[in-house]
N, C-alpha and C. Protein backbone atom coordinates (compact mmCIF):
# COMPACT_ATOMS: atom_id res chain seq x y z
N PHE A 1 6.60 22.96 -4.76
CA PHE A 1 5.49 22.19 -5.29
C PHE A 1 5.13 22.70 -6.68
N PRO A 2 4.50 21.86 -7.48
CA PRO A 2 4.16 22.31 -8.83
C PRO A 2 3.12 23.43 -8.81
N ALA A 3 3.15 24.25 -9.85
CA ALA A 3 2.16 25.31 -10.01
C ALA A 3 0.92 24.73 -10.67
N GLY A 4 -0.18 25.46 -10.60
CA GLY A 4 -1.41 25.04 -11.26
C GLY A 4 -2.27 24.17 -10.37
N LYS A 5 -3.23 23.51 -11.01
CA LYS A 5 -4.16 22.67 -10.26
C LYS A 5 -3.47 21.40 -9.80
N LEU A 6 -3.66 21.11 -8.52
CA LEU A 6 -3.10 19.91 -7.93
C LEU A 6 -4.22 18.94 -7.59
N GLY A 7 -3.89 17.67 -7.62
CA GLY A 7 -4.83 16.63 -7.21
C GLY A 7 -4.56 16.26 -5.77
N ARG A 8 -4.66 14.99 -5.51
CA ARG A 8 -4.44 14.51 -4.14
C ARG A 8 -2.96 14.61 -3.77
N ILE A 9 -2.74 14.80 -2.48
CA ILE A 9 -1.38 14.92 -1.95
C ILE A 9 -1.27 14.00 -0.75
N ALA A 10 -0.24 13.16 -0.74
CA ALA A 10 0.06 12.31 0.42
C ALA A 10 1.31 12.85 1.07
N ILE A 11 1.33 12.88 2.40
CA ILE A 11 2.49 13.39 3.13
C ILE A 11 2.88 12.38 4.21
N ALA A 12 4.19 12.20 4.39
CA ALA A 12 4.71 11.35 5.46
C ALA A 12 5.87 12.07 6.13
N ILE A 13 5.91 11.97 7.45
CA ILE A 13 6.98 12.57 8.25
C ILE A 13 7.88 11.44 8.73
N SER A 14 9.18 11.63 8.61
CA SER A 14 10.12 10.63 9.08
C SER A 14 10.06 10.54 10.60
N PRO A 15 9.78 9.35 11.16
CA PRO A 15 9.75 9.22 12.62
C PRO A 15 11.10 9.47 13.29
N SER A 16 12.20 9.19 12.58
CA SER A 16 13.52 9.35 13.19
C SER A 16 14.13 10.72 12.97
N SER A 17 13.56 11.50 12.07
CA SER A 17 14.08 12.84 11.78
C SER A 17 12.91 13.70 11.31
N SER A 18 12.27 14.38 12.25
CA SER A 18 11.00 15.06 11.94
C SER A 18 11.12 16.22 10.96
N ASN A 19 12.33 16.64 10.63
CA ASN A 19 12.50 17.67 9.60
C ASN A 19 12.40 17.10 8.19
N ILE A 20 12.49 15.77 8.07
CA ILE A 20 12.41 15.13 6.76
C ILE A 20 10.97 14.71 6.49
N LEU A 21 10.43 15.26 5.40
CA LEU A 21 9.06 14.96 4.98
C LEU A 21 9.08 14.49 3.53
N TYR A 22 8.13 13.64 3.21
CA TYR A 22 7.93 13.19 1.82
C TYR A 22 6.51 13.54 1.41
N SER A 23 6.34 13.79 0.12
CA SER A 23 5.01 14.06 -0.41
C SER A 23 4.91 13.52 -1.83
N VAL A 24 3.81 12.83 -2.11
CA VAL A 24 3.49 12.43 -3.48
C VAL A 24 2.36 13.34 -3.93
N ILE A 25 2.54 13.98 -5.09
CA ILE A 25 1.61 15.01 -5.54
C ILE A 25 1.08 14.68 -6.93
N GLU A 26 -0.22 14.82 -7.08
CA GLU A 26 -0.85 14.77 -8.40
C GLU A 26 -0.89 16.20 -8.94
N SER A 27 -0.61 16.34 -10.22
CA SER A 27 -0.60 17.65 -10.84
C SER A 27 -1.11 17.55 -12.27
N GLU A 28 -1.78 18.61 -12.73
CA GLU A 28 -2.19 18.66 -14.13
C GLU A 28 -0.98 18.63 -15.05
N GLN A 29 0.09 19.23 -14.60
CA GLN A 29 1.32 19.29 -15.39
C GLN A 29 2.14 18.03 -15.12
N ASN A 30 2.43 17.26 -16.16
CA ASN A 30 3.17 16.02 -15.98
C ASN A 30 4.50 16.21 -15.29
N GLU A 31 5.19 17.32 -15.60
CA GLU A 31 6.51 17.52 -14.99
C GLU A 31 6.42 17.83 -13.49
N GLY A 32 5.26 18.17 -12.98
CA GLY A 32 5.12 18.46 -11.56
C GLY A 32 4.72 17.27 -10.71
N LYS A 33 4.29 16.19 -11.34
CA LYS A 33 3.86 15.01 -10.60
C LYS A 33 5.05 14.30 -9.98
N GLY A 34 4.78 13.57 -8.93
CA GLY A 34 5.83 12.71 -8.39
C GLY A 34 6.07 12.89 -6.91
N LEU A 35 7.27 12.48 -6.50
CA LEU A 35 7.65 12.49 -5.09
C LEU A 35 8.54 13.68 -4.79
N TYR A 36 8.23 14.36 -3.71
CA TYR A 36 9.01 15.50 -3.22
C TYR A 36 9.55 15.16 -1.84
N ARG A 37 10.70 15.76 -1.50
CA ARG A 37 11.28 15.57 -0.17
C ARG A 37 11.69 16.93 0.37
N SER A 38 11.41 17.13 1.66
CA SER A 38 11.85 18.32 2.37
C SER A 38 12.78 17.89 3.50
N GLU A 39 13.84 18.63 3.71
CA GLU A 39 14.76 18.34 4.80
C GLU A 39 14.75 19.44 5.85
N ASP A 40 13.82 20.40 5.70
CA ASP A 40 13.74 21.51 6.65
C ASP A 40 12.31 21.69 7.17
N GLY A 41 11.63 20.59 7.40
CA GLY A 41 10.29 20.65 7.99
C GLY A 41 9.22 21.18 7.06
N GLY A 42 9.48 21.21 5.76
CA GLY A 42 8.47 21.65 4.80
C GLY A 42 8.66 23.07 4.29
N ALA A 43 9.72 23.76 4.73
CA ALA A 43 9.96 25.12 4.25
C ALA A 43 10.32 25.12 2.76
N THR A 44 11.14 24.15 2.35
CA THR A 44 11.49 23.99 0.94
C THR A 44 11.35 22.52 0.56
N TRP A 45 11.13 22.29 -0.74
CA TRP A 45 10.91 20.93 -1.24
C TRP A 45 11.76 20.68 -2.47
N GLU A 46 12.30 19.47 -2.58
CA GLU A 46 13.04 19.05 -3.77
C GLU A 46 12.21 17.99 -4.50
N HIS A 47 12.05 18.16 -5.81
CA HIS A 47 11.34 17.18 -6.63
C HIS A 47 12.30 16.02 -6.87
N ARG A 48 12.14 14.95 -6.11
CA ARG A 48 13.09 13.85 -6.13
C ARG A 48 12.84 12.83 -7.24
N ASN A 49 11.57 12.60 -7.57
CA ASN A 49 11.28 11.51 -8.50
C ASN A 49 10.04 11.84 -9.32
N LYS A 50 10.18 11.77 -10.64
CA LYS A 50 9.08 12.10 -11.55
C LYS A 50 8.48 10.85 -12.19
N ASP A 51 8.86 9.69 -11.72
CA ASP A 51 8.40 8.44 -12.32
C ASP A 51 6.87 8.36 -12.32
N PHE A 52 6.31 8.05 -13.46
CA PHE A 52 4.86 7.97 -13.63
C PHE A 52 4.24 7.00 -12.63
N GLU A 53 4.89 5.88 -12.36
CA GLU A 53 4.34 4.87 -11.45
C GLU A 53 4.15 5.41 -10.04
N LEU A 54 4.93 6.41 -9.65
CA LEU A 54 4.76 6.99 -8.32
C LEU A 54 3.53 7.87 -8.24
N ALA A 55 3.26 8.60 -9.31
CA ALA A 55 2.15 9.56 -9.29
C ALA A 55 0.81 8.92 -9.63
N VAL A 56 0.83 7.83 -10.40
CA VAL A 56 -0.43 7.17 -10.73
C VAL A 56 -0.98 6.53 -9.46
N ARG A 57 -2.27 6.56 -9.33
CA ARG A 57 -2.85 6.04 -8.10
C ARG A 57 -4.15 5.33 -8.41
N PRO A 58 -4.50 4.37 -7.57
CA PRO A 58 -5.83 3.78 -7.68
C PRO A 58 -6.87 4.73 -7.09
N PHE A 59 -8.14 4.42 -7.29
CA PHE A 59 -9.20 5.34 -6.85
C PHE A 59 -9.20 5.58 -5.35
N TYR A 60 -8.68 4.64 -4.56
CA TYR A 60 -8.71 4.79 -3.10
C TYR A 60 -7.51 5.58 -2.58
N PHE A 61 -6.66 6.02 -3.47
CA PHE A 61 -5.42 6.72 -3.18
C PHE A 61 -4.43 5.78 -2.50
N SER A 62 -3.32 6.30 -2.10
CA SER A 62 -2.28 5.46 -1.53
C SER A 62 -1.46 6.24 -0.51
N ARG A 63 -0.67 5.50 0.24
CA ARG A 63 0.11 6.11 1.31
C ARG A 63 1.61 6.04 1.01
N ILE A 64 2.33 6.91 1.72
CA ILE A 64 3.78 6.83 1.76
C ILE A 64 4.13 6.56 3.22
N VAL A 65 5.06 5.66 3.45
CA VAL A 65 5.44 5.30 4.81
C VAL A 65 6.97 5.32 4.89
N VAL A 66 7.50 5.97 5.93
CA VAL A 66 8.95 6.10 6.11
C VAL A 66 9.41 5.14 7.20
N ASP A 67 10.52 4.48 6.95
CA ASP A 67 11.15 3.59 7.93
C ASP A 67 11.35 4.36 9.23
N PRO A 68 10.97 3.79 10.38
CA PRO A 68 11.11 4.51 11.65
C PRO A 68 12.55 4.72 12.10
N ARG A 69 13.51 4.02 11.50
CA ARG A 69 14.91 4.14 11.90
C ARG A 69 15.79 4.82 10.85
N ASN A 70 15.34 4.79 9.59
CA ASN A 70 16.16 5.32 8.51
C ASN A 70 15.31 6.23 7.63
N PRO A 71 15.55 7.54 7.67
CA PRO A 71 14.71 8.48 6.91
C PRO A 71 14.88 8.39 5.40
N ASP A 72 15.86 7.61 4.93
CA ASP A 72 16.05 7.45 3.49
C ASP A 72 15.30 6.26 2.91
N VAL A 73 14.67 5.46 3.76
CA VAL A 73 13.89 4.31 3.29
C VAL A 73 12.42 4.69 3.33
N VAL A 74 11.78 4.66 2.16
CA VAL A 74 10.38 5.07 2.06
C VAL A 74 9.63 4.09 1.16
N CYS A 75 8.42 3.70 1.58
CA CYS A 75 7.57 2.80 0.81
C CYS A 75 6.39 3.58 0.26
N LYS A 76 5.99 3.26 -0.95
CA LYS A 76 4.85 3.90 -1.60
C LYS A 76 3.84 2.82 -1.95
N ALA A 77 2.64 2.94 -1.39
CA ALA A 77 1.56 2.02 -1.74
C ALA A 77 0.94 2.47 -3.06
N GLY A 78 0.13 1.62 -3.66
CA GLY A 78 -0.52 1.96 -4.93
C GLY A 78 -0.89 0.71 -5.69
N LEU A 79 -1.00 0.83 -7.00
CA LEU A 79 -1.36 -0.34 -7.81
C LEU A 79 -0.40 -1.49 -7.56
N SER A 80 0.88 -1.19 -7.53
CA SER A 80 1.89 -2.16 -7.10
C SER A 80 2.83 -1.38 -6.20
N GLY A 81 3.07 -1.86 -5.02
CA GLY A 81 3.90 -1.13 -4.07
C GLY A 81 5.33 -1.01 -4.54
N SER A 82 6.04 -0.02 -3.99
CA SER A 82 7.44 0.17 -4.32
C SER A 82 8.18 0.68 -3.10
N ILE A 83 9.50 0.52 -3.13
CA ILE A 83 10.34 0.91 -2.00
C ILE A 83 11.58 1.63 -2.51
N SER A 84 11.99 2.66 -1.78
CA SER A 84 13.21 3.40 -2.07
C SER A 84 14.13 3.31 -0.87
N LYS A 85 15.41 3.13 -1.13
CA LYS A 85 16.38 3.09 -0.04
C LYS A 85 17.40 4.22 -0.17
N ASP A 86 17.08 5.19 -1.07
CA ASP A 86 17.99 6.32 -1.28
C ASP A 86 17.25 7.66 -1.18
N GLY A 87 16.32 7.73 -0.28
CA GLY A 87 15.62 8.99 -0.05
C GLY A 87 14.63 9.38 -1.14
N GLY A 88 14.16 8.40 -1.90
CA GLY A 88 13.15 8.66 -2.92
C GLY A 88 13.69 8.97 -4.30
N ARG A 89 15.01 8.92 -4.48
CA ARG A 89 15.57 9.19 -5.81
C ARG A 89 15.22 8.07 -6.80
N THR A 90 15.29 6.83 -6.32
CA THR A 90 14.91 5.68 -7.15
C THR A 90 14.00 4.78 -6.33
N PHE A 91 13.11 4.10 -7.02
CA PHE A 91 12.21 3.13 -6.40
C PHE A 91 12.29 1.83 -7.17
N ARG A 92 12.10 0.72 -6.48
CA ARG A 92 11.97 -0.57 -7.15
C ARG A 92 10.66 -1.19 -6.69
N GLY A 93 10.04 -1.93 -7.59
CA GLY A 93 8.80 -2.62 -7.25
C GLY A 93 9.04 -3.65 -6.17
N ILE A 94 7.99 -3.96 -5.43
CA ILE A 94 8.14 -4.93 -4.34
C ILE A 94 8.26 -6.36 -4.85
N GLY A 95 8.04 -6.57 -6.14
CA GLY A 95 8.30 -7.87 -6.72
C GLY A 95 7.06 -8.69 -7.01
N SER A 96 7.31 -9.77 -7.71
CA SER A 96 6.20 -10.65 -8.07
C SER A 96 5.79 -11.48 -6.87
N GLY A 97 4.62 -12.03 -6.95
CA GLY A 97 4.11 -12.86 -5.87
C GLY A 97 3.30 -12.09 -4.85
N VAL A 98 3.35 -10.78 -4.88
CA VAL A 98 2.53 -9.95 -3.99
C VAL A 98 1.33 -9.47 -4.78
N HIS A 99 0.16 -9.63 -4.20
CA HIS A 99 -1.08 -9.23 -4.87
C HIS A 99 -1.07 -7.73 -5.14
N SER A 100 -1.69 -7.33 -6.24
CA SER A 100 -1.73 -5.91 -6.60
C SER A 100 -2.64 -5.12 -5.67
N ASP A 101 -2.71 -3.83 -5.91
CA ASP A 101 -3.50 -2.89 -5.11
C ASP A 101 -3.03 -2.88 -3.66
N VAL A 102 -1.81 -2.42 -3.48
CA VAL A 102 -1.22 -2.31 -2.14
C VAL A 102 -1.78 -1.07 -1.47
N HIS A 103 -2.40 -1.25 -0.30
CA HIS A 103 -3.05 -0.15 0.42
C HIS A 103 -2.16 0.50 1.47
N ASP A 104 -1.27 -0.27 2.09
CA ASP A 104 -0.53 0.30 3.21
C ASP A 104 0.72 -0.53 3.51
N PHE A 105 1.67 0.09 4.20
CA PHE A 105 2.88 -0.56 4.70
C PHE A 105 2.98 -0.29 6.20
N TRP A 106 3.68 -1.18 6.92
CA TRP A 106 3.96 -0.97 8.34
C TRP A 106 5.35 -1.52 8.63
N PHE A 107 6.18 -0.72 9.30
CA PHE A 107 7.51 -1.14 9.73
C PHE A 107 7.47 -1.49 11.21
N ASP A 108 8.18 -2.54 11.60
CA ASP A 108 8.38 -2.86 13.01
C ASP A 108 9.35 -1.82 13.57
N VAL A 109 8.97 -1.12 14.62
CA VAL A 109 9.82 -0.05 15.15
C VAL A 109 11.11 -0.58 15.78
N LYS A 110 11.12 -1.85 16.20
CA LYS A 110 12.33 -2.42 16.80
C LYS A 110 13.24 -3.08 15.77
N ASP A 111 12.68 -3.45 14.63
CA ASP A 111 13.46 -4.11 13.58
C ASP A 111 12.85 -3.72 12.24
N SER A 112 13.36 -2.64 11.64
CA SER A 112 12.73 -2.12 10.43
C SER A 112 13.02 -2.97 9.19
N ASP A 113 13.78 -4.05 9.33
CA ASP A 113 13.87 -5.02 8.24
C ASP A 113 12.57 -5.82 8.15
N ARG A 114 11.78 -5.81 9.21
CA ARG A 114 10.49 -6.51 9.21
C ARG A 114 9.42 -5.50 8.79
N ILE A 115 8.85 -5.74 7.60
CA ILE A 115 7.84 -4.85 7.03
C ILE A 115 6.60 -5.67 6.69
N TYR A 116 5.45 -5.12 6.96
CA TYR A 116 4.18 -5.74 6.57
C TYR A 116 3.51 -4.82 5.55
N LEU A 117 2.73 -5.43 4.65
CA LEU A 117 1.92 -4.63 3.73
C LEU A 117 0.54 -5.26 3.63
N GLY A 118 -0.45 -4.41 3.40
CA GLY A 118 -1.82 -4.87 3.19
C GLY A 118 -2.24 -4.57 1.77
N SER A 119 -2.83 -5.58 1.11
CA SER A 119 -3.28 -5.42 -0.27
C SER A 119 -4.65 -6.05 -0.44
N ASP A 120 -5.20 -5.93 -1.64
CA ASP A 120 -6.48 -6.58 -1.93
C ASP A 120 -6.40 -8.09 -1.74
N GLY A 121 -5.20 -8.65 -1.80
CA GLY A 121 -5.03 -10.10 -1.66
C GLY A 121 -4.71 -10.55 -0.26
N GLY A 122 -4.60 -9.63 0.69
CA GLY A 122 -4.29 -10.02 2.06
C GLY A 122 -3.09 -9.28 2.61
N VAL A 123 -2.47 -9.90 3.62
CA VAL A 123 -1.33 -9.31 4.31
C VAL A 123 -0.07 -10.08 3.91
N TYR A 124 1.01 -9.34 3.64
CA TYR A 124 2.30 -9.92 3.29
C TYR A 124 3.34 -9.36 4.25
N ARG A 125 4.45 -10.13 4.42
CA ARG A 125 5.52 -9.63 5.29
C ARG A 125 6.87 -9.91 4.66
N SER A 126 7.81 -9.07 5.03
CA SER A 126 9.20 -9.24 4.62
C SER A 126 10.06 -9.21 5.87
N TRP A 127 11.04 -10.10 5.92
CA TRP A 127 11.97 -10.15 7.06
C TRP A 127 13.30 -9.50 6.71
N ASP A 128 13.45 -9.06 5.44
CA ASP A 128 14.76 -8.59 4.99
C ASP A 128 14.71 -7.19 4.36
N GLY A 129 13.86 -6.34 4.87
CA GLY A 129 13.80 -4.97 4.38
C GLY A 129 13.09 -4.78 3.06
N GLY A 130 12.27 -5.74 2.69
CA GLY A 130 11.45 -5.60 1.49
C GLY A 130 11.99 -6.27 0.25
N THR A 131 13.01 -7.12 0.39
CA THR A 131 13.54 -7.84 -0.77
C THR A 131 12.67 -9.04 -1.12
N VAL A 132 12.35 -9.85 -0.12
CA VAL A 132 11.52 -11.05 -0.31
C VAL A 132 10.25 -10.88 0.53
N TRP A 133 9.10 -11.21 -0.07
CA TRP A 133 7.81 -11.08 0.60
C TRP A 133 7.12 -12.44 0.66
N GLU A 134 6.41 -12.70 1.75
CA GLU A 134 5.60 -13.91 1.88
C GLU A 134 4.22 -13.53 2.38
N MET A 135 3.23 -14.29 1.93
CA MET A 135 1.87 -14.03 2.38
C MET A 135 1.69 -14.55 3.80
N VAL A 136 1.02 -13.78 4.63
CA VAL A 136 0.68 -14.21 5.98
C VAL A 136 -0.62 -14.99 5.86
N LYS A 137 -0.53 -16.30 6.04
CA LYS A 137 -1.70 -17.16 5.84
C LYS A 137 -2.48 -17.33 7.13
N GLY A 138 -3.76 -17.67 6.96
CA GLY A 138 -4.60 -17.97 8.11
C GLY A 138 -5.32 -16.76 8.69
N LEU A 139 -5.13 -15.60 8.10
CA LEU A 139 -5.84 -14.41 8.59
C LEU A 139 -7.18 -14.29 7.87
N PRO A 140 -8.25 -14.11 8.59
CA PRO A 140 -9.57 -13.98 7.94
C PRO A 140 -9.81 -12.55 7.47
N VAL A 141 -9.01 -12.11 6.50
CA VAL A 141 -9.16 -10.76 5.97
C VAL A 141 -9.47 -10.81 4.48
N SER A 142 -10.49 -10.12 4.08
CA SER A 142 -10.88 -10.03 2.67
C SER A 142 -11.69 -8.77 2.48
N GLN A 143 -11.78 -8.34 1.25
CA GLN A 143 -12.57 -7.16 0.92
C GLN A 143 -13.77 -7.62 0.11
N TYR A 144 -14.91 -7.75 0.80
CA TYR A 144 -16.15 -8.17 0.14
C TYR A 144 -16.86 -6.96 -0.45
N TYR A 145 -17.34 -7.12 -1.69
CA TYR A 145 -18.15 -6.08 -2.32
C TYR A 145 -19.63 -6.35 -2.17
N HIS A 146 -20.01 -7.61 -2.25
CA HIS A 146 -21.43 -7.96 -2.15
C HIS A 146 -21.58 -9.28 -1.41
N VAL A 147 -22.62 -9.38 -0.60
CA VAL A 147 -22.95 -10.61 0.12
C VAL A 147 -24.44 -10.84 -0.03
N THR A 148 -24.82 -12.10 -0.24
CA THR A 148 -26.24 -12.45 -0.34
C THR A 148 -26.44 -13.85 0.21
N THR A 149 -27.68 -14.28 0.29
CA THR A 149 -28.02 -15.62 0.78
C THR A 149 -29.03 -16.26 -0.18
N ASP A 150 -29.24 -17.57 0.00
CA ASP A 150 -30.28 -18.26 -0.78
C ASP A 150 -31.35 -18.78 0.18
N MET A 151 -32.26 -19.60 -0.33
CA MET A 151 -33.40 -20.07 0.47
C MET A 151 -33.22 -21.50 0.99
N GLN A 152 -32.04 -22.09 0.87
CA GLN A 152 -31.81 -23.44 1.38
C GLN A 152 -31.86 -23.44 2.90
N LYS A 153 -32.02 -24.65 3.48
CA LYS A 153 -31.97 -24.79 4.93
C LYS A 153 -30.86 -25.78 5.27
N PRO A 154 -29.81 -25.40 5.99
CA PRO A 154 -29.58 -24.01 6.37
C PRO A 154 -29.22 -23.18 5.13
N PHE A 155 -29.51 -21.89 5.21
CA PHE A 155 -29.26 -21.04 4.05
C PHE A 155 -27.76 -20.93 3.81
N ARG A 156 -27.41 -20.68 2.57
CA ARG A 156 -26.01 -20.52 2.18
C ARG A 156 -25.70 -19.03 2.04
N VAL A 157 -24.49 -18.67 2.37
CA VAL A 157 -24.02 -17.29 2.26
C VAL A 157 -23.05 -17.21 1.09
N TYR A 158 -23.26 -16.23 0.21
CA TYR A 158 -22.41 -16.03 -0.97
C TYR A 158 -21.75 -14.65 -0.84
N GLY A 159 -20.48 -14.59 -1.21
CA GLY A 159 -19.79 -13.30 -1.17
C GLY A 159 -18.88 -13.11 -2.37
N GLY A 160 -18.89 -11.90 -2.91
CA GLY A 160 -18.00 -11.54 -4.01
C GLY A 160 -16.85 -10.69 -3.48
N LEU A 161 -15.64 -11.17 -3.69
CA LEU A 161 -14.45 -10.51 -3.17
C LEU A 161 -13.76 -9.63 -4.21
N GLN A 162 -13.12 -8.58 -3.76
CA GLN A 162 -12.31 -7.73 -4.63
C GLN A 162 -11.13 -8.55 -5.15
N ASP A 163 -11.09 -8.80 -6.44
CA ASP A 163 -9.98 -9.48 -7.12
C ASP A 163 -9.72 -10.90 -6.63
N ASN A 164 -10.62 -11.51 -5.87
CA ASN A 164 -10.34 -12.83 -5.31
C ASN A 164 -11.49 -13.80 -5.46
N GLY A 165 -12.31 -13.63 -6.49
CA GLY A 165 -13.36 -14.59 -6.78
C GLY A 165 -14.56 -14.48 -5.87
N SER A 166 -15.35 -15.55 -5.86
CA SER A 166 -16.56 -15.61 -5.05
C SER A 166 -16.47 -16.79 -4.10
N TRP A 167 -17.06 -16.65 -2.93
CA TRP A 167 -17.04 -17.69 -1.91
C TRP A 167 -18.46 -18.00 -1.49
N VAL A 168 -18.68 -19.28 -1.12
CA VAL A 168 -20.01 -19.70 -0.68
C VAL A 168 -19.87 -20.75 0.41
N GLY A 169 -20.79 -20.74 1.36
CA GLY A 169 -20.79 -21.74 2.41
C GLY A 169 -22.08 -21.71 3.19
N PRO A 170 -22.40 -22.82 3.89
CA PRO A 170 -23.62 -22.86 4.69
C PRO A 170 -23.54 -21.89 5.87
N SER A 171 -24.67 -21.34 6.24
CA SER A 171 -24.69 -20.35 7.32
C SER A 171 -24.36 -20.95 8.67
N ALA A 172 -24.54 -22.24 8.82
CA ALA A 172 -24.30 -22.90 10.11
C ALA A 172 -23.10 -23.83 10.02
N SER A 173 -22.04 -23.40 9.36
CA SER A 173 -20.89 -24.26 9.12
C SER A 173 -19.80 -24.04 10.15
N PRO A 174 -19.43 -25.09 10.92
CA PRO A 174 -18.32 -24.93 11.85
C PRO A 174 -16.96 -25.05 11.15
N GLY A 175 -16.96 -25.56 9.90
CA GLY A 175 -15.69 -25.85 9.24
C GLY A 175 -15.27 -24.88 8.17
N GLY A 176 -15.93 -23.75 8.02
CA GLY A 176 -15.51 -22.77 7.03
C GLY A 176 -16.32 -22.84 5.76
N ILE A 177 -15.78 -22.25 4.71
CA ILE A 177 -16.49 -22.15 3.44
C ILE A 177 -15.58 -22.60 2.31
N GLU A 178 -16.15 -22.82 1.15
CA GLU A 178 -15.37 -23.26 0.00
C GLU A 178 -15.37 -22.19 -1.08
N ALA A 179 -14.30 -22.17 -1.85
CA ALA A 179 -14.20 -21.19 -2.94
C ALA A 179 -14.89 -21.73 -4.17
N ARG A 180 -15.48 -20.85 -4.96
CA ARG A 180 -16.12 -21.24 -6.23
C ARG A 180 -15.55 -20.40 -7.34
């Protein structure tokens, strides 16, 4: 690990090979930032990737998730998610069309080509190991920052969403709400 003051550290253990660990480390020293991998349960670590995009993080921090069947496939959440299929030596972005601020990844333990991710824009899934992503529609998931009401009868509910505009609708609405 890098010397000096360290920031946040994320750690992931490979489900299929518990001696393989990954860690993303913040460091005051630019050369110490990045992704590390251990193949001996954490006794020694190799600095696998120094790419700035791996070490930069949003304020909520981010996770690293290892494929449950292949210890060389690792996903990194963050401002824009990324995936490595060579043990963390190289990463590629998850691509356009996926909302930014990726918070987490999940692999199907029976079919690790099926991956889900959660972002500020909702839930996305891939059926092909992370090459193509599609939004999972119809899920009532959003990150509201503020909610208020007005004095109409029935009163209206207003909500401000993270990166997704504002929504408003009547409090007694069986049919949902409309975007503004």
